[in-house]
Structures are given as structure tokens and as C-alpha cells.
Amino acid sequence: MKIEKIRKDFPILNAREGGEPIIYFDNACQSLRPQSVIEAMDDYYRKYSACEGRSIHKFGEKVTRKCEESRKIIAKFIGAKKEEEIIFTRNTTEGINLVAKSLKLQKGDVIILSDKEHNSNLIPWQIKSKEENISLVISPSREDNTFDLEKFKLLMNEKVKLVSVVHTSNLDGVSNPIKEIIEIAHNYGAKVLVDGAQSASHQKINVAKLDVDFMAFSGHKMLGPSGTGFLYGKYDLLKKLNPFIVGGDTVEYSTYDKHQLLLPPKKFEAGLQDYAGIIGLAEAVKYLQKIGFKKIAKQEAVLNKFITKEIINLPGLKIIGPQDYNKRGGIVSFFVEELDTHQIAVMLDSTNNIMVRSGQFCVHSWFANRQIKNAVRVSLAFYNTLEEAQIFVENLKKIIKLN
């Protein structure tokens, strides 16, 4: 993979901050966008800015066609059986909330989550459990922070109606054994929702082969525009769900005392949508496919291996999750004893424009349970280089030595 050629596709990587190039290692929060995505969105606003599915003039017909094409591209990208199984949302959070608000459960039913869920896949279920008298059960990880299938099996029974788990953790980059989790859950009649926010831009996903019931994604983590995402759902399940946001474009007709909802996905896509974003998201998918997931995984592994080997034995430094870089995808999260993680992040940014994340990464529950204050997260992408990794390591060593 010719990294320098690829980097030319990302305008922001060619920009200078204070006269120095940027080193962007915050990809788990939000990825950068290639020129093709930016141009596709700009093209909509400049050439055919109109409503989809409403107006029959030339602009309306073009944006309708482009949005329909985008839904087909995305459905094929994740291996959905039909394009109607793709619901456009603002992000993974909205997709999970859609299921949480719409899924019918009864008092005494059980929902199982892993102990490393992002707040987006924890808070909606906490609220639902309190409002509907549903039990919420947390499945603990192994000592190395990987998913414990044996303990998960012990938690499963006929009362469990939903298992909602992250595919790839934004905390440590570990991917859960989703196919095995789904098979176990289905054996007890439970449905499975998967948070795919962190996995979509790093590995090939086929929802049909996984047999997953629902899976939510964010555009901004897979080279796409901010405020875009999509929820996959098996069509028969989507037909049974009631939307929690209704209004324009969700009904076939209405009178003063009744209405008829449209079929999925339209009944879930109320109001005017982010058409430029939807079109840009499809371009992001095409770009990822052009690069190829084997090449993406290979580059991220090279970078993670180098960083891990260089920092793992630094005094006071603890890597979160498995010490084996192969099990952590494109993420290296760590903390240094007696050093403030925010200070580390600020010093990296101010000295060499090295942009990392510090804090609890919206996984407050995991940090609280282990009584760890904060961490620094280096999250990698295929457009990052070994030279950038070297500069990061050199600067981190200086910071630790100074303190």
C-alpha cells in the first residue's frame, strides 16, 4: 500500500498547523475524510440541492436517485440481503436508541451487555430497564480485557431477550467473538444488537453471515460525514418495530384521526434527511472498498506493533487490554502512574501537533469499576505512517523522562 499516495487524498493531512504537519492519532473518535467524500457533498449543495422522495422536478429526481444508490451501496457493503434493511440515522447512538425505544419487552425480561460498552450502548438500556422493570446484566471480561464466552454462557437463559454488545471496543481495540455470541444468544431465543461504530472501517462485516438481528454504525468513524450513520435490521424485525420519531415522510396517508405508516426503512426516517451526508457516506464506503480491508489491517498492525514494543516497558506505563498488539486492532490505550493523562495529551499536541485522546472515552463505567482515573488513547488508521509512530514514541519518552 502506497501510503504517501493515499495521504494525498486527505486534504487535512496536507495542511500545516503552526508551520508543522499534523499527526492525527484520534481516529477512534472521528476519522479524516478523503477528497472524494468532500466533493460528493459539495456537488449536492452546488448542483442539485433539493428534497429526496418528495419533488418530481429534475433536482428532486436526482437527489432521490443518488440516495437510493447510496442505500444499495451501503447494504452491499455490510452484506445485507436487501436495501430496505438499511435505515439512515445520525450515528450509532441514534441507531441504538431507535431499537431501545422501539423494541417491545416485558417486566422480568433480561438484557445482557458486556462490561466495556460505550455510554451509547449502556445508558439507553439503563433507562429502559428502569422504565419497564427489565433486568440489566453485565457480562464480565477476562483479566486481559477480552470477552469471556464461558461466563457469558452461564448468564444466558430463556429470560434473556436481548444481548447488546460492541463489536470492536473503542477502549482498547479488542474485537469480540460476535459470531459465537450471536449463536449462543439465538439458541436461547434472544435477539442481538451489535455496536459496529469502531469495526466498520477496519474489518469486513457481513451481517447476513453473522446472522445478527440489529447492527448500528456511524459515518464519521468510517471516513464519512459527521451526523451520518445507519442501522441495519432484519426486515421482518423492522416491520414489527414502531418508530419513536414520526412525521413527514413516515406515513402513506393521514386523516384527522388516523394514519398509515410506510414500510421500513421509510417509517423510521422522519423529516428532511441529511442528503449530502448520505451521498457522502456512500463515497466513503467506496473509498474503503478501494483500499481494501486486508491492506488496512496490515498497516494498522505494523503501527500498533511498533508503538507497543517501544512503550510497553516504559517506567510506570500500563497498556489497557491485551499486551499482544494483534488483539488490539488499531488502538493503544495506556496510562502512566503519577502522570496526568490530559497533561500528556496537551504536551504531545503542543510540541509536535500529535493529536491523541485523553479521558475515559465514554466508557466511564469500565474506569469506575477498575478505579482507573483516565487514559491516553492512540487510535490508528491506514493513512498513518511509521514515521508518525516514531515521532509519537520519541515525544512520549521525553515526557515520561521529564516527569
Protein backbone atom coordinates (compact mmCIF):
# COMPACT_ATOMS: atom_id res chain seq x y z
CA MET A 1 0.00 0.00 0.00
CA LYS A 2 1.47 3.35 -1.10
CA ILE A 3 0.77 5.46 1.98
CA GLU A 4 2.09 8.73 0.60
CA LYS A 5 -0.18 8.46 -2.42
CA ILE A 6 -3.16 7.69 -0.19
CA ARG A 7 -2.38 10.63 2.10
CA LYS A 8 -2.72 13.00 -0.84
CA ASP A 9 -6.43 12.04 -0.93
CA PHE A 10 -6.91 13.64 2.50
CA PRO A 11 -6.70 17.45 2.29
CA ILE A 12 -6.31 17.90 6.04
CA LEU A 13 -3.13 15.79 6.10
CA ASN A 14 -1.54 18.22 3.67
CA ALA A 15 -2.40 21.21 5.89
CA ARG A 16 0.05 22.75 8.33
CA GLU A 17 -0.70 23.67 11.92
CA GLY A 18 1.75 26.27 13.22
CA GLY A 19 4.11 25.50 10.35
CA GLU A 20 4.34 21.79 11.22
CA PRO A 21 2.47 18.80 9.78
CA ILE A 22 -0.21 17.24 11.96
CA ILE A 23 -0.08 13.72 13.34
CA TYR A 24 -3.66 12.60 13.76
CA PHE A 25 -3.97 9.66 16.16
CA ASP A 26 -7.59 10.25 17.22
CA ASN A 27 -9.29 8.13 14.57
CA ALA A 28 -11.48 6.19 17.02
CA CYS A 29 -13.19 9.46 17.86
CA GLN A 30 -13.54 10.61 14.27
CA SER A 31 -11.74 9.62 11.11
CA LEU A 32 -10.49 12.02 8.47
CA ARG A 33 -12.28 12.43 5.12
CA PRO A 34 -10.91 11.85 1.63
CA GLN A 35 -11.42 14.41 -1.10
CA SER A 36 -13.99 12.22 -2.86
CA VAL A 37 -16.35 12.44 0.16
CA ILE A 38 -15.96 16.20 0.41
CA GLU A 39 -16.56 16.66 -3.31
CA ALA A 40 -19.66 14.44 -3.31
CA MET A 41 -21.25 16.56 -0.57
CA ASP A 42 -20.18 19.80 -2.21
CA ASP A 43 -21.60 18.57 -5.50
CA TYR A 44 -25.04 18.10 -3.91
CA TYR A 45 -25.11 21.62 -2.47
CA ARG A 46 -23.82 23.23 -5.64
CA LYS A 47 -25.69 21.31 -8.33
CA TYR A 48 -28.92 19.63 -7.12
CA SER A 49 -29.76 20.75 -3.59
CA ALA A 50 -33.34 19.56 -3.16
CA CYS A 51 -35.53 17.13 -1.18
CA GLU A 52 -35.41 13.39 -1.75
CA GLY A 53 -38.60 11.45 -2.43
CA ARG A 54 -40.89 14.49 -2.46
CA SER A 55 -40.44 16.65 -5.53
CA ILE A 56 -40.67 15.40 -9.11
CA HIS A 57 -38.57 18.13 -10.70
CA LYS A 58 -35.05 17.45 -12.02
CA PHE A 59 -33.25 18.27 -8.77
CA GLY A 60 -35.68 16.19 -6.73
CA GLU A 61 -35.35 13.21 -9.05
CA LYS A 62 -31.55 13.36 -8.99
CA VAL A 63 -31.21 13.51 -5.21
CA THR A 64 -33.76 10.70 -4.89
CA ARG A 65 -31.75 8.56 -7.28
CA LYS A 66 -28.47 9.34 -5.50
CA CYS A 67 -29.91 8.48 -2.05
CA GLU A 68 -31.37 5.23 -3.37
CA GLU A 69 -27.97 4.37 -4.85
CA SER A 70 -26.33 5.15 -1.50
CA ARG A 71 -28.66 2.77 0.34
CA LYS A 72 -27.83 0.00 -2.14
CA ILE A 73 -24.07 0.62 -1.84
CA ILE A 74 -24.22 0.51 1.96
CA ALA A 75 -26.43 -2.60 2.02
CA LYS A 76 -23.97 -4.42 -0.20
CA PHE A 77 -21.02 -3.15 1.85
CA ILE A 78 -22.24 -4.92 5.01
CA GLY A 79 -23.80 -7.93 3.27
CA ALA A 80 -27.46 -7.09 3.94
CA LYS A 81 -29.93 -9.21 2.00
CA LYS A 82 -32.00 -6.21 0.90
CA GLU A 83 -31.52 -2.46 0.80
CA GLU A 84 -34.71 -1.93 2.83
CA GLU A 85 -32.81 -3.28 5.85
CA ILE A 86 -30.73 -0.07 5.96
CA ILE A 87 -32.13 2.86 7.98
CA PHE A 88 -30.27 6.15 7.74
CA THR A 89 -29.53 7.75 11.12
CA ARG A 90 -27.28 10.47 12.51
CA ASN A 91 -24.87 8.00 14.17
CA THR A 92 -24.55 4.73 16.06
CA THR A 93 -26.08 6.35 19.14
CA GLU A 94 -29.31 7.12 17.31
CA GLY A 95 -29.46 3.61 15.86
CA ILE A 96 -29.14 2.00 19.28
CA ASN A 97 -31.69 4.40 20.77
CA LEU A 98 -34.10 3.58 17.94
CA VAL A 99 -34.00 -0.10 18.89
CA ALA A 100 -34.12 0.65 22.63
CA LYS A 101 -37.21 2.85 22.27
CA SER A 102 -38.97 0.61 19.76
CA LEU A 103 -38.25 -2.93 20.96
CA LYS A 104 -41.13 -4.36 23.00
CA LEU A 105 -40.06 -6.13 26.18
CA GLN A 106 -41.97 -7.21 29.26
CA LYS A 107 -41.43 -6.94 33.01
CA GLY A 108 -38.90 -9.54 34.11
CA ASP A 109 -37.14 -9.81 30.76
CA VAL A 110 -33.34 -9.64 30.79
CA ILE A 111 -30.85 -7.67 28.68
CA ILE A 112 -27.16 -8.61 28.69
CA LEU A 113 -24.35 -6.14 27.92
CA SER A 114 -20.59 -6.53 28.07
CA ASP A 115 -18.60 -4.60 30.69
CA LYS A 116 -16.90 -2.44 28.04
CA GLU A 117 -19.89 -0.76 26.45
CA HIS A 118 -19.75 2.83 25.26
CA ASN A 119 -22.32 5.03 27.01
CA SER A 120 -24.34 4.90 23.79
CA ASN A 121 -24.89 1.19 24.37
CA LEU A 122 -25.30 1.43 28.13
CA ILE A 123 -27.42 4.46 29.05
CA PRO A 124 -30.39 3.68 26.74
CA TRP A 125 -30.68 0.23 28.31
CA GLN A 126 -30.31 1.56 31.85
CA ILE A 127 -33.21 3.93 31.19
CA LYS A 128 -35.30 1.19 29.55
CA SER A 129 -34.63 -1.21 32.43
CA LYS A 130 -35.87 1.33 34.98
CA GLU A 131 -38.91 2.43 32.97
CA GLU A 132 -40.04 -1.10 32.06
CA ASN A 133 -38.81 -3.14 35.06
CA ILE A 134 -36.32 -5.08 32.97
CA SER A 135 -33.17 -6.66 34.43
CA LEU A 136 -29.83 -5.44 33.10
CA VAL A 137 -26.96 -7.92 33.42
CA ILE A 138 -23.28 -7.18 32.75
CA SER A 139 -21.10 -9.91 31.27
CA PRO A 140 -17.54 -9.54 32.68
CA SER A 141 -14.36 -9.64 30.62
CA ARG A 142 -11.36 -11.86 31.26
CA GLU A 143 -8.38 -10.49 33.15
CA ASP A 144 -6.78 -9.34 29.88
CA ASN A 145 -9.98 -7.44 28.96
CA THR A 146 -11.07 -9.87 26.23
CA PHE A 147 -14.62 -11.25 26.09
CA ASP A 148 -15.26 -14.25 28.35
CA LEU A 149 -17.51 -16.61 26.40
CA GLU A 150 -17.72 -19.14 29.24
CA LYS A 151 -19.04 -16.58 31.73
CA PHE A 152 -21.41 -15.27 29.06
CA LYS A 153 -22.83 -18.77 28.55
CA LEU A 154 -23.51 -19.05 32.28
CA LEU A 155 -25.56 -15.83 32.17
CA MET A 156 -27.75 -16.94 29.28
CA ASN A 157 -31.24 -18.36 29.89
CA GLU A 158 -34.75 -18.14 28.44
CA LYS A 159 -35.43 -14.84 30.24
CA VAL A 160 -32.74 -13.08 28.21
CA LYS A 161 -34.49 -11.33 25.33
CA LEU A 162 -31.66 -9.14 24.06
CA VAL A 163 -27.87 -9.18 24.01
CA SER A 164 -26.37 -5.80 23.06
CA VAL A 165 -22.60 -5.76 22.65
CA VAL A 166 -19.84 -3.80 20.99
CA HIS A 167 -18.07 -5.39 18.01
CA THR A 168 -14.72 -3.62 18.46
CA SER A 169 -14.10 -1.75 21.70
CA ASN A 170 -13.22 1.93 21.49
CA LEU A 171 -11.43 1.48 24.83
CA ASP A 172 -8.73 -1.00 23.80
CA GLY A 173 -9.39 -2.07 20.19
CA VAL A 174 -10.34 -5.64 21.12
CA SER A 175 -12.91 -7.27 18.82
CA ASN A 176 -15.46 -9.52 20.50
CA PRO A 177 -16.29 -13.01 19.13
CA ILE A 178 -19.56 -11.73 17.67
CA LYS A 179 -20.50 -14.80 15.64
CA GLU A 180 -20.18 -17.07 18.69
CA ILE A 181 -22.08 -14.59 20.88
CA ILE A 182 -24.91 -14.47 18.34
CA GLU A 183 -25.11 -18.27 18.05
CA ILE A 184 -25.31 -18.68 21.84
CA ALA A 185 -27.92 -15.94 22.20
CA HIS A 186 -30.07 -17.30 19.37
CA ASN A 187 -30.04 -20.75 20.97
CA TYR A 188 -31.99 -19.18 23.85
CA GLY A 189 -34.27 -17.19 21.55
CA ALA A 190 -32.63 -13.84 22.34
CA LYS A 191 -32.11 -11.10 19.77
CA VAL A 192 -28.68 -9.50 19.31
CA LEU A 193 -27.77 -5.87 18.66
CA VAL A 194 -24.15 -5.04 17.79
CA ASP A 195 -22.42 -1.67 18.06
CA GLY A 196 -20.37 -1.54 14.86
CA ALA A 197 -19.05 2.00 15.23
CA GLN A 198 -15.40 1.02 15.64
CA SER A 199 -15.28 -2.01 13.37
CA ALA A 200 -16.78 -0.78 10.09
CA SER A 201 -13.63 0.95 8.83
CA HIS A 202 -11.21 -1.74 9.98
CA GLN A 203 -12.65 -5.13 9.03
CA LYS A 204 -15.06 -6.73 6.59
CA ILE A 205 -18.55 -7.18 8.02
CA ASN A 206 -21.26 -9.46 6.63
CA VAL A 207 -24.44 -9.13 8.69
CA ALA A 208 -26.16 -12.00 6.88
CA LYS A 209 -23.35 -14.45 7.62
CA LEU A 210 -23.15 -13.26 11.21
CA ASP A 211 -26.95 -13.67 11.48
CA VAL A 212 -27.06 -10.51 13.60
CA ASP A 213 -30.51 -9.02 14.26
CA PHE A 214 -29.51 -5.35 14.50
CA MET A 215 -26.23 -3.53 13.93
CA ALA A 216 -25.57 0.21 14.23
CA PHE A 217 -22.88 2.28 12.51
CA SER A 218 -21.51 5.84 12.44
CA GLY A 219 -20.40 7.57 9.25
CA HIS A 220 -17.90 9.83 10.99
CA LYS A 221 -15.80 6.86 12.13
CA MET A 222 -15.57 5.34 8.64
CA LEU A 223 -14.33 8.31 6.55
CA GLY A 224 -17.88 9.64 6.15
CA PRO A 225 -19.54 12.93 7.09
CA SER A 226 -20.39 13.96 10.65
CA GLY A 227 -24.02 13.44 11.61
CA THR A 228 -24.49 10.39 9.40
CA GLY A 229 -24.89 6.72 10.19
CA PHE A 230 -27.14 3.76 9.60
CA LEU A 231 -28.91 0.98 11.41
CA TYR A 232 -29.15 -2.50 9.92
CA GLY A 233 -32.07 -4.64 10.97
CA LYS A 234 -33.53 -7.90 9.70
CA TYR A 235 -36.51 -6.85 7.62
CA ASP A 236 -39.07 -8.98 9.44
CA LEU A 237 -37.96 -7.45 12.75
CA LEU A 238 -38.04 -3.89 11.39
CA LYS A 239 -41.64 -4.39 10.24
CA LYS A 240 -42.62 -5.20 13.84
CA LEU A 241 -40.89 -2.18 15.39
CA ASN A 242 -42.74 1.07 15.90
CA PRO A 243 -40.74 4.24 15.13
CA PHE A 244 -40.02 6.57 18.03
CA ILE A 245 -39.76 9.64 15.77
CA VAL A 246 -42.62 10.18 13.33
CA GLY A 247 -43.83 12.89 10.99
CA GLY A 248 -43.05 13.86 7.42
CA ASP A 249 -42.09 11.05 5.05
CA THR A 250 -43.03 8.28 7.51
CA VAL A 251 -46.68 7.81 6.53
CA GLU A 252 -48.52 6.66 3.44
CA TYR A 253 -51.51 8.83 4.32
CA SER A 254 -53.19 10.54 7.26
CA THR A 255 -56.59 11.92 8.25
CA TYR A 256 -57.54 13.93 11.32
CA ASP A 257 -57.96 10.77 13.37
CA LYS A 258 -55.69 8.09 11.86
CA HIS A 259 -52.64 7.38 9.70
CA GLN A 260 -50.90 4.54 7.88
CA LEU A 261 -47.15 4.15 8.36
CA LEU A 262 -44.90 3.38 5.42
CA LEU A 263 -42.89 0.15 5.33
CA PRO A 264 -39.26 0.04 6.51
CA PRO A 265 -36.96 1.81 6.14
CA LYS A 266 -39.04 4.91 5.42
CA LYS A 267 -41.21 4.71 8.53
CA PHE A 268 -38.05 5.27 10.61
CA GLU A 269 -36.66 8.20 8.58
CA ALA A 270 -38.83 11.08 9.72
CA GLY A 271 -38.41 14.57 8.32
CA LEU A 272 -35.89 16.02 5.93
CA GLN A 273 -32.70 13.96 5.93
CA ASP A 274 -29.02 14.84 5.53
CA TYR A 275 -28.97 14.11 1.80
CA ALA A 276 -25.46 15.48 1.26
CA GLY A 277 -24.28 13.33 4.17
CA ILE A 278 -25.98 10.18 2.87
CA ILE A 279 -24.38 10.68 -0.55
CA GLY A 280 -21.01 11.40 1.08
CA LEU A 281 -21.32 8.29 3.24
CA ALA A 282 -21.68 6.12 0.14
CA GLU A 283 -18.50 7.69 -1.25
CA ALA A 284 -16.71 6.84 2.00
CA VAL A 285 -17.80 3.22 1.61
CA LYS A 286 -16.49 3.15 -1.96
CA TYR A 287 -13.17 4.57 -0.80
CA LEU A 288 -12.78 1.93 1.93
CA GLN A 289 -13.53 -0.79 -0.61
CA LYS A 290 -10.95 0.66 -2.98
CA ILE A 291 -8.24 0.50 -0.28
CA GLY A 292 -9.28 -2.99 0.88
CA PHE A 293 -9.56 -4.34 4.43
CA LYS A 294 -6.54 -6.64 4.18
CA LYS A 295 -4.30 -3.67 3.44
CA ILE A 296 -5.98 -1.61 6.15
CA ALA A 297 -5.44 -4.31 8.79
CA LYS A 298 -1.84 -4.87 7.71
CA GLN A 299 -0.89 -1.19 8.02
CA GLU A 300 -2.59 -0.78 11.39
CA ALA A 301 -0.84 -3.90 12.70
CA VAL A 302 2.56 -2.57 11.64
CA LEU A 303 1.96 0.68 13.51
CA ASN A 304 0.48 -0.96 16.62
CA LYS A 305 3.36 -3.45 16.78
CA PHE A 306 5.96 -0.69 16.65
CA ILE A 307 4.27 1.52 19.25
CA THR A 308 3.56 -1.38 21.60
CA LYS A 309 7.12 -2.69 21.54
CA GLU A 310 8.54 0.79 22.10
CA ILE A 311 6.37 1.81 25.05
CA ILE A 312 5.35 -1.39 26.83
CA ASN A 313 8.37 -1.36 29.16
CA LEU A 314 8.46 2.37 29.87
CA PRO A 315 8.51 3.11 33.63
CA GLY A 316 5.05 3.36 35.15
CA LEU A 317 3.24 2.81 31.83
CA LYS A 318 0.33 0.36 31.69
CA ILE A 319 -1.31 -0.68 28.42
CA ILE A 320 -5.06 -1.30 28.73
CA GLY A 321 -6.21 -4.62 27.32
CA PRO A 322 -4.10 -7.48 25.94
CA GLN A 323 -0.37 -6.86 25.78
CA ASP A 324 -0.35 -8.62 22.40
CA TYR A 325 -0.82 -5.91 19.76
CA ASN A 326 -2.50 -8.42 17.42
CA LYS A 327 -5.52 -8.49 19.75
CA ARG A 328 -5.95 -4.70 19.89
CA GLY A 329 -6.58 -3.76 16.25
CA GLY A 330 -5.61 -0.13 15.70
CA ILE A 331 -5.76 1.10 19.31
CA VAL A 332 -3.12 1.57 22.01
CA SER A 333 -4.64 2.88 25.24
CA PHE A 334 -2.43 3.44 28.26
CA PHE A 335 -1.86 5.40 31.43
CA VAL A 336 1.32 6.35 33.24
CA GLU A 337 1.38 6.11 37.02
CA GLU A 338 1.66 9.51 38.73
CA LEU A 339 1.27 11.37 35.43
CA ASP A 340 -1.87 13.26 34.40
CA THR A 341 -3.18 11.83 31.12
CA HIS A 342 -4.61 15.15 29.97
CA GLN A 343 -1.21 16.74 30.52
CA ILE A 344 0.39 14.06 28.34
CA ALA A 345 -2.13 14.76 25.57
CA VAL A 346 -1.63 18.53 25.79
CA MET A 347 2.17 18.20 25.67
CA LEU A 348 2.03 15.91 22.63
CA ASP A 349 -0.27 18.34 20.86
CA SER A 350 1.65 21.49 21.76
CA THR A 351 5.13 20.19 20.91
CA ASN A 352 4.62 18.20 17.68
CA ASN A 353 0.95 18.51 16.71
CA ILE A 354 0.40 14.90 17.84
CA MET A 355 -3.35 14.57 18.36
CA VAL A 356 -4.46 11.82 20.74
CA ARG A 357 -7.45 11.38 23.05
CA SER A 358 -7.28 11.56 26.83
CA GLY A 359 -10.02 10.78 29.33
CA GLN A 360 -12.45 7.89 29.72
CA PHE A 361 -13.65 7.66 26.10
CA CYS A 362 -17.35 7.45 27.07
CA VAL A 363 -16.64 4.14 28.84
CA HIS A 364 -16.90 5.68 32.31
CA SER A 365 -18.39 2.51 33.77
CA TRP A 366 -15.29 0.45 32.97
CA PHE A 367 -12.95 3.04 34.51
CA ALA A 368 -15.15 3.41 37.60
CA ASN A 369 -15.28 -0.36 38.11
CA ARG A 370 -11.49 -0.64 38.00
CA GLN A 371 -10.80 2.61 39.83
CA ILE A 372 -8.64 3.94 36.99
CA LYS A 373 -8.83 7.70 36.64
CA ASN A 374 -8.13 8.27 32.93
CA ALA A 375 -6.07 7.04 30.00
CA VAL A 376 -4.42 8.19 26.78
CA ARG A 377 -5.69 6.60 23.57
CA VAL A 378 -3.70 6.37 20.35
CA SER A 379 -6.09 5.25 17.61
CA LEU A 380 -4.63 4.48 14.21
CA ALA A 381 -5.82 4.48 10.62
CA PHE A 382 -4.40 3.17 7.37
CA TYR A 383 -3.24 6.66 6.36
CA ASN A 384 -0.97 6.94 9.41
CA THR A 385 2.73 6.26 8.85
CA LEU A 386 5.59 4.57 10.68
CA GLU A 387 7.40 7.91 10.76
CA GLU A 388 4.44 9.41 12.66
CA ALA A 389 4.55 6.50 15.11
CA GLN A 390 8.27 7.08 15.66
CA ILE A 391 7.74 10.78 16.38
CA PHE A 392 4.98 9.91 18.86
CA VAL A 393 7.17 7.39 20.70
CA GLU A 394 10.13 9.79 20.88
CA ASN A 395 7.97 12.55 22.34
CA LEU A 396 6.20 10.27 24.82
CA LYS A 397 9.57 9.03 26.11
CA LYS A 398 10.69 12.64 26.60
CA ILE A 399 7.51 13.49 28.53
CA ILE A 400 7.89 10.50 30.85
CA LYS A 401 11.58 11.24 31.39
CA LEU A 402 10.90 14.91 32.19
CA ASN A 403 8.36 13.95 34.81
